[in-house]
Amino acid sequence: MQVLNTTIAGVQAYPAVEKRADGGFVVVWEGNGFQGDTQGINARVWSGVSFPGVQAGTNTATVVDETGATGVVELRLGTQPTGNVVVDLSVSDATEASIDVAQLTFTNANWNEPQTVTVTGLDDVLDDGDIDLSVVATINILTADPVYSAMGPENFAVTNRDDDADFTLPADQTFCRDIGMAAVNVMVTNAGRPVATPASPAATRNCGRCRHHRAATERHHLRDERQPRWTMCLAPTSIAHGERCLQLRLQRCLPMSPR
């Protein structure tokens, strides 16, 4: 145990504590001044680098996704232990991500050397959006250092990005043109946030004036002499619950009579 307040005895009022991003904290209090007065403001910083605990190499969340992309969490100890520190690892949501190692051991020789944990995103059939979870580091009972053995679990943030997209298409549309082919604009709304690139367009069949740019669509021309029809289908490679299709029907229009 170490005394936080290092000023001389007397009134120590209005303490305030602020946690730092690196795991440390700052304490500010009112007390005796440094030049003999009694109205001083004192502050002390505890660096996370020298604070006991399991620490990550970065304060940002590790990002993976449902396509199986991986991310890395680097873990180390904040202070040198007197004996081995055994850390059990798990994930808070095993349906969203997995890790490649279940346990790490830190000694008084390698305590400040980062050990790598690889996190892999797992896929599901739900359009559930991005899911936040954690890699949980729990001190094992085999830990010899008394300071570390008394510590609770530490959580390290992970985000698993969703790759399922729910496309919303407009209702089937009917259009007409007296001469030539009508131009049709179709608005497609993606209500998800897909990670994977949508499927490449397939070759257009029996369509003399169909044109696609970089849109992820496939056009099937189902010609009918009475009512030509086209079906436009859209599906990303990762969607698990099927494609979305929209039918376009071309009707022959009567020419407008001049006024």
C-alpha atoms as a PDB file:
ATOM      1  CA  MET A   1       0.000   0.000   0.000  1.00  0.00           C
ATOM      2  CA  GLN A   2       1.203   3.488  -0.841  1.00  0.00           C
ATOM      3  CA  VAL A   3      -0.047   6.746   0.643  1.00  0.00           C
ATOM      4  CA  LEU A   4      -1.735   8.820  -2.015  1.00  0.00           C
ATOM      5  CA  ASN A   5      -1.490  12.186  -0.287  1.00  0.00           C
ATOM      6  CA  THR A   6       2.154  13.184   0.183  1.00  0.00           C
ATOM      7  CA  THR A   7       1.570  16.672   1.612  1.00  0.00           C
ATOM      8  CA  ILE A   8       2.055  17.365   5.333  1.00  0.00           C
ATOM      9  CA  ALA A   9      -0.690  16.742   7.867  1.00  0.00           C
ATOM     10  CA  GLY A  10      -3.585  19.142   7.859  1.00  0.00           C
ATOM     11  CA  VAL A  11      -6.852  19.739   6.082  1.00  0.00           C
ATOM     12  CA  GLN A  12      -7.035  17.812   2.810  1.00  0.00           C
ATOM     13  CA  ALA A  13     -10.303  18.850   1.184  1.00  0.00           C
ATOM     14  CA  TYR A  14     -12.291  18.441  -2.010  1.00  0.00           C
ATOM     15  CA  PRO A  15     -10.547  15.438  -3.591  1.00  0.00           C
ATOM     16  CA  ALA A  16     -11.349  14.581  -7.209  1.00  0.00           C
ATOM     17  CA  VAL A  17     -10.341  11.461  -9.128  1.00  0.00           C
ATOM     18  CA  GLU A  18     -10.231  11.093 -12.921  1.00  0.00           C
ATOM     19  CA  LYS A  19      -9.419   7.832 -14.714  1.00  0.00           C
ATOM     20  CA  ARG A  20      -6.895   8.044 -17.552  1.00  0.00           C
ATOM     21  CA  ALA A  21      -7.234   6.234 -20.877  1.00  0.00           C
ATOM     22  CA  ASP A  22      -4.097   4.174 -20.203  1.00  0.00           C
ATOM     23  CA  GLY A  23      -5.582   2.663 -17.038  1.00  0.00           C
ATOM     24  CA  GLY A  24      -4.014   5.108 -14.604  1.00  0.00           C
ATOM     25  CA  PHE A  25      -5.708   7.986 -12.821  1.00  0.00           C
ATOM     26  CA  VAL A  26      -5.215  11.554 -11.585  1.00  0.00           C
ATOM     27  CA  VAL A  27      -6.090  12.731  -8.072  1.00  0.00           C
ATOM     28  CA  VAL A  28      -6.468  16.439  -7.277  1.00  0.00           C
ATOM     29  CA  TRP A  29      -7.102  17.850  -3.805  1.00  0.00           C
ATOM     30  CA  GLU A  30      -6.895  21.086  -1.810  1.00  0.00           C
ATOM     31  CA  GLY A  31      -4.344  21.240   0.978  1.00  0.00           C
ATOM     32  CA  ASN A  32      -1.115  22.797   2.159  1.00  0.00           C
ATOM     33  CA  GLY A  33       0.735  24.748  -0.505  1.00  0.00           C
ATOM     34  CA  PHE A  34       4.303  24.226  -1.613  1.00  0.00           C
ATOM     35  CA  GLN A  35       5.441  27.646  -0.338  1.00  0.00           C
ATOM     36  CA  GLY A  36       4.151  27.464   3.213  1.00  0.00           C
ATOM     37  CA  ASP A  37       0.583  28.609   2.615  1.00  0.00           C
ATOM     38  CA  THR A  38      -2.482  26.536   3.495  1.00  0.00           C
ATOM     39  CA  GLN A  39      -4.423  27.108   0.287  1.00  0.00           C
ATOM     40  CA  GLY A  40      -2.524  24.967  -2.163  1.00  0.00           C
ATOM     41  CA  ILE A  41      -3.930  22.762  -4.911  1.00  0.00           C
ATOM     42  CA  ASN A  42      -2.173  19.432  -5.246  1.00  0.00           C
ATOM     43  CA  ALA A  43      -2.316  16.784  -7.959  1.00  0.00           C
ATOM     44  CA  ARG A  44      -0.781  13.376  -8.397  1.00  0.00           C
ATOM     45  CA  VAL A  45      -0.745  11.244 -11.549  1.00  0.00           C
ATOM     46  CA  TRP A  46      -0.680   7.455 -11.484  1.00  0.00           C
ATOM     47  CA  SER A  47       0.442   6.199 -14.855  1.00  0.00           C
ATOM     48  CA  GLY A  48      -1.275   3.128 -16.258  1.00  0.00           C
ATOM     49  CA  VAL A  49       2.123   1.888 -17.398  1.00  0.00           C
ATOM     50  CA  SER A  50       3.197   1.419 -13.787  1.00  0.00           C
ATOM     51  CA  PHE A  51      -0.188   0.414 -12.409  1.00  0.00           C
ATOM     52  CA  PRO A  52      -0.771  -3.303 -11.676  1.00  0.00           C
ATOM     53  CA  GLY A  53      -3.151  -5.102 -13.992  1.00  0.00           C
ATOM     54  CA  VAL A  54      -3.537  -6.765 -17.373  1.00  0.00           C
ATOM     55  CA  GLN A  55      -3.245  -4.086 -20.051  1.00  0.00           C
ATOM     56  CA  ALA A  56      -3.761  -3.860 -23.803  1.00  0.00           C
ATOM     57  CA  GLY A  57      -1.352  -2.225 -26.222  1.00  0.00           C
ATOM     58  CA  THR A  58      -4.067   0.154 -27.444  1.00  0.00           C
ATOM     59  CA  ASN A  59      -7.175   1.752 -25.976  1.00  0.00           C
ATOM     60  CA  THR A  60      -9.250   1.364 -29.151  1.00  0.00           C
ATOM     61  CA  ALA A  61     -11.604  -1.537 -29.838  1.00  0.00           C
ATOM     62  CA  THR A  62     -10.371  -4.432 -31.959  1.00  0.00           C
ATOM     63  CA  VAL A  63     -12.540  -4.654 -35.096  1.00  0.00           C
ATOM     64  CA  VAL A  64     -13.389  -7.957 -36.819  1.00  0.00           C
ATOM     65  CA  ASP A  65     -16.297  -8.921 -39.051  1.00  0.00           C
ATOM     66  CA  GLU A  66     -18.609 -11.799 -39.902  1.00  0.00           C
ATOM     67  CA  THR A  67     -16.654 -12.740 -43.019  1.00  0.00           C
ATOM     68  CA  GLY A  68     -14.001 -14.253 -40.730  1.00  0.00           C
ATOM     69  CA  ALA A  69     -11.668 -11.271 -40.606  1.00  0.00           C
ATOM     70  CA  THR A  70      -9.307 -11.277 -37.641  1.00  0.00           C
ATOM     71  CA  GLY A  71      -7.914  -8.703 -35.255  1.00  0.00           C
ATOM     72  CA  VAL A  72      -5.176  -8.752 -32.650  1.00  0.00           C
ATOM     73  CA  VAL A  73      -5.227  -7.863 -28.947  1.00  0.00           C
ATOM     74  CA  GLU A  74      -1.782  -7.482 -27.375  1.00  0.00           C
ATOM     75  CA  LEU A  75      -1.723  -8.014 -23.605  1.00  0.00           C
ATOM     76  CA  ARG A  76       0.964  -7.327 -21.007  1.00  0.00           C
ATOM     77  CA  LEU A  77       1.208  -6.577 -17.294  1.00  0.00           C
ATOM     78  CA  GLY A  78       1.439  -3.086 -15.853  1.00  0.00           C
ATOM     79  CA  THR A  79       4.033  -3.922 -13.193  1.00  0.00           C
ATOM     80  CA  GLN A  80       6.626  -6.610 -12.580  1.00  0.00           C
ATOM     81  CA  PRO A  81       5.140  -9.444 -10.512  1.00  0.00           C
ATOM     82  CA  THR A  82       6.896 -11.350  -7.745  1.00  0.00           C
ATOM     83  CA  GLY A  83       5.785 -14.652  -9.266  1.00  0.00           C
ATOM     84  CA  ASN A  84       3.999 -16.081 -12.276  1.00  0.00           C
ATOM     85  CA  VAL A  85       0.702 -14.467 -13.281  1.00  0.00           C
ATOM     86  CA  VAL A  86      -1.653 -16.846 -15.111  1.00  0.00           C
ATOM     87  CA  VAL A  87      -4.434 -15.197 -17.132  1.00  0.00           C
ATOM     88  CA  ASP A  88      -7.475 -17.099 -18.428  1.00  0.00           C
ATOM     89  CA  LEU A  89      -9.034 -15.684 -21.611  1.00  0.00           C
ATOM     90  CA  SER A  90     -12.571 -15.880 -22.967  1.00  0.00           C
ATOM     91  CA  VAL A  91     -15.018 -13.830 -25.050  1.00  0.00           C
ATOM     92  CA  SER A  92     -18.161 -12.311 -23.620  1.00  0.00           C
ATOM     93  CA  ASP A  93     -20.240 -13.514 -26.605  1.00  0.00           C
ATOM     94  CA  ALA A  94     -19.015 -16.778 -28.110  1.00  0.00           C
ATOM     95  CA  THR A  95     -21.564 -16.541 -30.947  1.00  0.00           C
ATOM     96  CA  GLU A  96     -19.890 -13.413 -32.341  1.00  0.00           C
ATOM     97  CA  ALA A  97     -16.142 -14.069 -32.044  1.00  0.00           C
ATOM     98  CA  SER A  98     -13.533 -16.632 -31.052  1.00  0.00           C
ATOM     99  CA  ILE A  99      -9.947 -16.400 -29.784  1.00  0.00           C
ATOM    100  CA  ASP A 100      -6.944 -18.562 -30.597  1.00  0.00           C
ATOM    101  CA  VAL A 101      -5.558 -18.936 -27.078  1.00  0.00           C
ATOM    102  CA  ALA A 102      -7.299 -19.676 -23.783  1.00  0.00           C
ATOM    103  CA  GLN A 103      -4.518 -18.843 -21.331  1.00  0.00           C
ATOM    104  CA  LEU A 104      -1.423 -16.660 -21.014  1.00  0.00           C
ATOM    105  CA  THR A 105       1.376 -16.819 -18.445  1.00  0.00           C
ATOM    106  CA  PHE A 106       3.481 -13.814 -17.480  1.00  0.00           C
ATOM    107  CA  THR A 107       6.665 -14.149 -15.431  1.00  0.00           C
ATOM    108  CA  ASN A 108       8.866 -11.605 -13.692  1.00  0.00           C
ATOM    109  CA  ALA A 109      11.060 -11.756 -16.818  1.00  0.00           C
ATOM    110  CA  ASN A 110       8.497 -11.329 -19.642  1.00  0.00           C
ATOM    111  CA  TRP A 111       5.807  -9.334 -17.814  1.00  0.00           C
ATOM    112  CA  ASN A 112       6.201  -6.263 -20.043  1.00  0.00           C
ATOM    113  CA  GLU A 113       6.464  -8.145 -23.354  1.00  0.00           C
ATOM    114  CA  PRO A 114       3.138  -8.090 -25.266  1.00  0.00           C
ATOM    115  CA  GLN A 115       1.548 -11.485 -25.890  1.00  0.00           C
ATOM    116  CA  THR A 116      -0.769 -11.732 -28.888  1.00  0.00           C
ATOM    117  CA  VAL A 117      -4.379 -12.909 -28.839  1.00  0.00           C
ATOM    118  CA  THR A 118      -5.999 -13.317 -32.272  1.00  0.00           C
ATOM    119  CA  VAL A 119      -9.738 -12.606 -32.421  1.00  0.00           C
ATOM    120  CA  THR A 120     -11.820 -14.014 -35.309  1.00  0.00           C
ATOM    121  CA  GLY A 121     -15.283 -12.742 -36.211  1.00  0.00           C
ATOM    122  CA  LEU A 122     -18.025 -15.378 -36.490  1.00  0.00           C
ATOM    123  CA  ASP A 123     -20.917 -15.319 -38.943  1.00  0.00           C
ATOM    124  CA  ASP A 124     -24.607 -15.731 -38.206  1.00  0.00           C
ATOM    125  CA  VAL A 125     -27.837 -15.617 -40.220  1.00  0.00           C
ATOM    126  CA  LEU A 126     -29.154 -12.543 -38.440  1.00  0.00           C
ATOM    127  CA  ASP A 127     -29.154  -9.013 -39.769  1.00  0.00           C
ATOM    128  CA  ASP A 128     -28.255  -7.858 -36.255  1.00  0.00           C
ATOM    129  CA  GLY A 129     -25.924  -4.976 -37.012  1.00  0.00           C
ATOM    130  CA  ASP A 130     -22.496  -4.480 -35.491  1.00  0.00           C
ATOM    131  CA  ILE A 131     -22.112  -6.241 -32.138  1.00  0.00           C
ATOM    132  CA  ASP A 132     -19.868  -5.017 -29.319  1.00  0.00           C
ATOM    133  CA  LEU A 133     -18.283  -7.654 -27.103  1.00  0.00           C
ATOM    134  CA  SER A 134     -15.129  -8.150 -25.041  1.00  0.00           C
ATOM    135  CA  VAL A 135     -12.097 -10.326 -24.605  1.00  0.00           C
ATOM    136  CA  VAL A 136     -12.227 -11.106 -20.893  1.00  0.00           C
ATOM    137  CA  ALA A 137      -8.965 -11.614 -18.973  1.00  0.00           C
ATOM    138  CA  THR A 138      -9.457 -13.373 -15.625  1.00  0.00           C
ATOM    139  CA  ILE A 139      -6.660 -14.031 -13.128  1.00  0.00           C
ATOM    140  CA  ASN A 140      -6.237 -17.786 -12.595  1.00  0.00           C
ATOM    141  CA  ILE A 141      -5.998 -19.218  -9.062  1.00  0.00           C
ATOM    142  CA  LEU A 142      -2.502 -20.506  -9.905  1.00  0.00           C
ATOM    143  CA  THR A 143      -1.194 -16.919  -9.912  1.00  0.00           C
ATOM    144  CA  ALA A 144       1.641 -16.599  -7.389  1.00  0.00           C
ATOM    145  CA  ASP A 145       1.802 -12.818  -7.060  1.00  0.00           C
ATOM    146  CA  PRO A 146      -0.522 -11.702  -4.214  1.00  0.00           C
ATOM    147  CA  VAL A 147      -1.342  -8.334  -5.801  1.00  0.00           C
ATOM    148  CA  TYR A 148      -2.431  -9.833  -9.116  1.00  0.00           C
ATOM    149  CA  SER A 149      -4.212 -12.806  -7.548  1.00  0.00           C
ATOM    150  CA  ALA A 150      -6.627 -10.409  -5.822  1.00  0.00           C
ATOM    151  CA  MET A 151      -7.604  -8.580  -9.019  1.00  0.00           C
ATOM    152  CA  GLY A 152     -10.900  -8.960 -10.841  1.00  0.00           C
ATOM    153  CA  PRO A 153     -11.461  -9.557 -14.576  1.00  0.00           C
ATOM    154  CA  GLU A 154     -10.396  -7.025 -17.208  1.00  0.00           C
ATOM    155  CA  ASN A 155     -12.410  -6.450 -20.404  1.00  0.00           C
ATOM    156  CA  PHE A 156     -10.925  -5.460 -23.763  1.00  0.00           C
ATOM    157  CA  ALA A 157     -13.341  -4.117 -26.352  1.00  0.00           C
ATOM    158  CA  VAL A 158     -14.071  -5.934 -29.632  1.00  0.00           C
ATOM    159  CA  THR A 159     -16.544  -5.034 -32.389  1.00  0.00           C
ATOM    160  CA  ASN A 160     -17.842  -7.683 -34.798  1.00  0.00           C
ATOM    161  CA  ARG A 161     -19.152  -5.936 -37.917  1.00  0.00           C
ATOM    162  CA  ASP A 162     -22.268  -7.392 -39.481  1.00  0.00           C
ATOM    163  CA  ASP A 163     -22.101  -8.611 -43.088  1.00  0.00           C
ATOM    164  CA  ASP A 164     -25.827  -9.194 -43.616  1.00  0.00           C
ATOM    165  CA  ALA A 165     -27.702  -6.614 -45.634  1.00  0.00           C
ATOM    166  CA  ASP A 166     -31.441  -6.220 -45.895  1.00  0.00           C
ATOM    167  CA  PHE A 167     -32.255  -4.649 -49.250  1.00  0.00           C
ATOM    168  CA  THR A 168     -35.535  -2.823 -49.645  1.00  0.00           C
ATOM    169  CA  LEU A 169     -36.832  -2.564 -53.207  1.00  0.00           C
ATOM    170  CA  PRO A 170     -39.780  -0.534 -54.471  1.00  0.00           C
ATOM    171  CA  ALA A 171     -42.971  -2.194 -55.634  1.00  0.00           C
ATOM    172  CA  ASP A 172     -43.158  -3.765 -59.083  1.00  0.00           C
ATOM    173  CA  GLN A 173     -43.304  -1.062 -61.722  1.00  0.00           C
ATOM    174  CA  THR A 174     -45.025  -0.758 -65.077  1.00  0.00           C
ATOM    175  CA  PHE A 175     -43.931   1.751 -67.700  1.00  0.00           C
ATOM    176  CA  CYS A 176     -44.587   2.410 -71.358  1.00  0.00           C
ATOM    177  CA  ARG A 177     -43.004   3.995 -74.411  1.00  0.00           C
ATOM    178  CA  ASP A 178     -44.448   4.474 -77.866  1.00  0.00           C
ATOM    179  CA  ILE A 179     -41.102   4.290 -79.675  1.00  0.00           C
ATOM    180  CA  GLY A 180     -37.972   2.633 -78.374  1.00  0.00           C
ATOM    181  CA  MET A 181     -37.140   1.525 -74.887  1.00  0.00           C
ATOM    182  CA  ALA A 182     -38.138   3.503 -71.816  1.00  0.00           C
ATOM    183  CA  ALA A 183     -35.542   4.523 -69.262  1.00  0.00           C
ATOM    184  CA  VAL A 184     -36.291   3.354 -65.728  1.00  0.00           C
ATOM    185  CA  ASN A 185     -34.655   4.493 -62.488  1.00  0.00           C
ATOM    186  CA  VAL A 186     -34.846   2.000 -59.632  1.00  0.00           C
ATOM    187  CA  MET A 187     -33.986   3.131 -56.113  1.00  0.00           C
ATOM    188  CA  VAL A 188     -32.552   0.389 -53.885  1.00  0.00           C
ATOM    189  CA  THR A 189     -32.139   0.975 -50.159  1.00  0.00           C
ATOM    190  CA  ASN A 190     -29.613  -1.012 -48.149  1.00  0.00           C
ATOM    191  CA  ALA A 191     -30.811  -1.094 -44.556  1.00  0.00           C
ATOM    192  CA  GLY A 192     -27.773  -3.019 -43.356  1.00  0.00           C
ATOM    193  CA  ARG A 193     -24.055  -2.354 -43.353  1.00  0.00           C
ATOM    194  CA  PRO A 194     -22.503  -5.135 -45.435  1.00  0.00           C
ATOM    195  CA  VAL A 195     -18.817  -5.868 -45.096  1.00  0.00           C
ATOM    196  CA  ALA A 196     -18.435  -7.952 -48.234  1.00  0.00           C
ATOM    197  CA  THR A 197     -18.671  -6.549 -51.750  1.00  0.00           C
ATOM    198  CA  PRO A 198     -22.021  -7.407 -53.379  1.00  0.00           C
ATOM    199  CA  ALA A 199     -22.093 -10.071 -56.067  1.00  0.00           C
ATOM    200  CA  SER A 200     -20.844  -9.079 -59.508  1.00  0.00           C
ATOM    201  CA  PRO A 201     -23.518  -8.583 -62.161  1.00  0.00           C
ATOM    202  CA  ALA A 202     -24.191 -11.554 -64.369  1.00  0.00           C
ATOM    203  CA  ALA A 203     -24.376 -11.273 -68.127  1.00  0.00           C
ATOM    204  CA  THR A 204     -27.551  -9.674 -69.407  1.00  0.00           C
ATOM    205  CA  ARG A 205     -29.639 -11.965 -71.529  1.00  0.00           C
ATOM    206  CA  ASN A 206     -31.939 -10.980 -74.439  1.00  0.00           C
ATOM    207  CA  CYS A 207     -31.745  -7.326 -73.622  1.00  0.00           C
ATOM    208  CA  GLY A 208     -30.532  -5.096 -76.404  1.00  0.00           C
ATOM    209  CA  ARG A 209     -30.484  -1.861 -74.430  1.00  0.00           C
ATOM    210  CA  CYS A 210     -29.892  -2.980 -70.836  1.00  0.00           C
ATOM    211  CA  ARG A 211     -26.879  -1.374 -69.261  1.00  0.00           C
ATOM    212  CA  HIS A 212     -25.289  -1.896 -65.873  1.00  0.00           C
ATOM    213  CA  HIS A 213     -22.455   0.048 -64.350  1.00  0.00           C
ATOM    214  CA  ARG A 214     -21.067  -0.996 -60.958  1.00  0.00           C
ATOM    215  CA  ALA A 215     -24.437  -1.855 -59.470  1.00  0.00           C
ATOM    216  CA  ALA A 216     -24.685  -5.313 -57.966  1.00  0.00           C
ATOM    217  CA  THR A 217     -27.646  -6.449 -60.021  1.00  0.00           C
ATOM    218  CA  GLU A 218     -28.560  -9.308 -62.275  1.00  0.00           C
ATOM    219  CA  ARG A 219     -31.111  -8.795 -65.028  1.00  0.00           C
ATOM    220  CA  HIS A 220     -33.154 -11.581 -66.542  1.00  0.00           C
ATOM    221  CA  HIS A 221     -35.131 -10.764 -69.663  1.00  0.00           C
ATOM    222  CA  LEU A 222     -38.250 -12.915 -69.716  1.00  0.00           C
ATOM    223  CA  ARG A 223     -39.675 -11.846 -73.053  1.00  0.00           C
ATOM    224  CA  ASP A 224     -43.378 -12.123 -73.589  1.00  0.00           C
ATOM    225  CA  GLU A 225     -44.864 -10.970 -76.887  1.00  0.00           C
ATOM    226  CA  ARG A 226     -47.899  -9.547 -75.155  1.00  0.00           C
ATOM    227  CA  GLN A 227     -46.114  -7.982 -72.201  1.00  0.00           C
ATOM    228  CA  PRO A 228     -42.312  -7.967 -72.134  1.00  0.00           C
ATOM    229  CA  ARG A 229     -40.997  -8.304 -68.592  1.00  0.00           C
ATOM    230  CA  TRP A 230     -37.633  -7.886 -66.937  1.00  0.00           C
ATOM    231  CA  THR A 231     -36.751  -9.111 -63.470  1.00  0.00           C
ATOM    232  CA  MET A 232     -34.048  -7.276 -61.564  1.00  0.00           C
ATOM    233  CA  CYS A 233     -32.523  -9.193 -58.650  1.00  0.00           C
ATOM    234  CA  LEU A 234     -30.105  -7.938 -56.042  1.00  0.00           C
ATOM    235  CA  ALA A 235     -28.213 -10.034 -53.503  1.00  0.00           C
ATOM    236  CA  PRO A 236     -24.881  -9.547 -51.721  1.00  0.00           C
ATOM    237  CA  THR A 237     -22.611 -12.559 -51.522  1.00  0.00           C
ATOM    238  CA  SER A 238     -23.021 -12.791 -47.770  1.00  0.00           C
ATOM    239  CA  ILE A 239     -26.789 -12.512 -47.421  1.00  0.00           C
ATOM    240  CA  ALA A 240     -28.197 -15.614 -45.803  1.00  0.00           C
ATOM    241  CA  HIS A 241     -31.899 -15.133 -46.356  1.00  0.00           C
ATOM    242  CA  GLY A 242     -32.071 -14.838 -50.120  1.00  0.00           C
ATOM    243  CA  GLU A 243     -32.120 -12.190 -52.805  1.00  0.00           C
ATOM    244  CA  ARG A 244     -34.579  -9.371 -53.410  1.00  0.00           C
ATOM    245  CA  CYS A 245     -36.244  -9.113 -56.811  1.00  0.00           C
ATOM    246  CA  LEU A 246     -38.234  -6.463 -58.613  1.00  0.00           C
ATOM    247  CA  GLN A 247     -40.244  -6.962 -61.811  1.00  0.00           C
ATOM    248  CA  LEU A 248     -40.390  -4.326 -64.536  1.00  0.00           C
ATOM    249  CA  ARG A 249     -43.183  -4.636 -67.097  1.00  0.00           C
ATOM    250  CA  LEU A 250     -43.207  -2.855 -70.448  1.00  0.00           C
ATOM    251  CA  GLN A 251     -46.617  -2.031 -71.887  1.00  0.00           C
ATOM    252  CA  ARG A 252     -47.210  -0.674 -75.340  1.00  0.00           C
ATOM    253  CA  CYS A 253     -48.629   2.833 -75.272  1.00  0.00           C
ATOM    254  CA  LEU A 254     -50.867   4.547 -77.753  1.00  0.00           C
ATOM    255  CA  PRO A 255     -49.214   7.515 -79.480  1.00  0.00           C
ATOM    256  CA  MET A 256     -50.350  10.875 -78.243  1.00  0.00           C
ATOM    257  CA  SER A 257     -52.559  12.748 -80.694  1.00  0.00           C
ATOM    258  CA  PRO A 258     -51.456  16.297 -81.495  1.00  0.00           C
ATOM    259  CA  ARG A 259     -53.604  19.092 -80.165  1.00  0.00           C
END
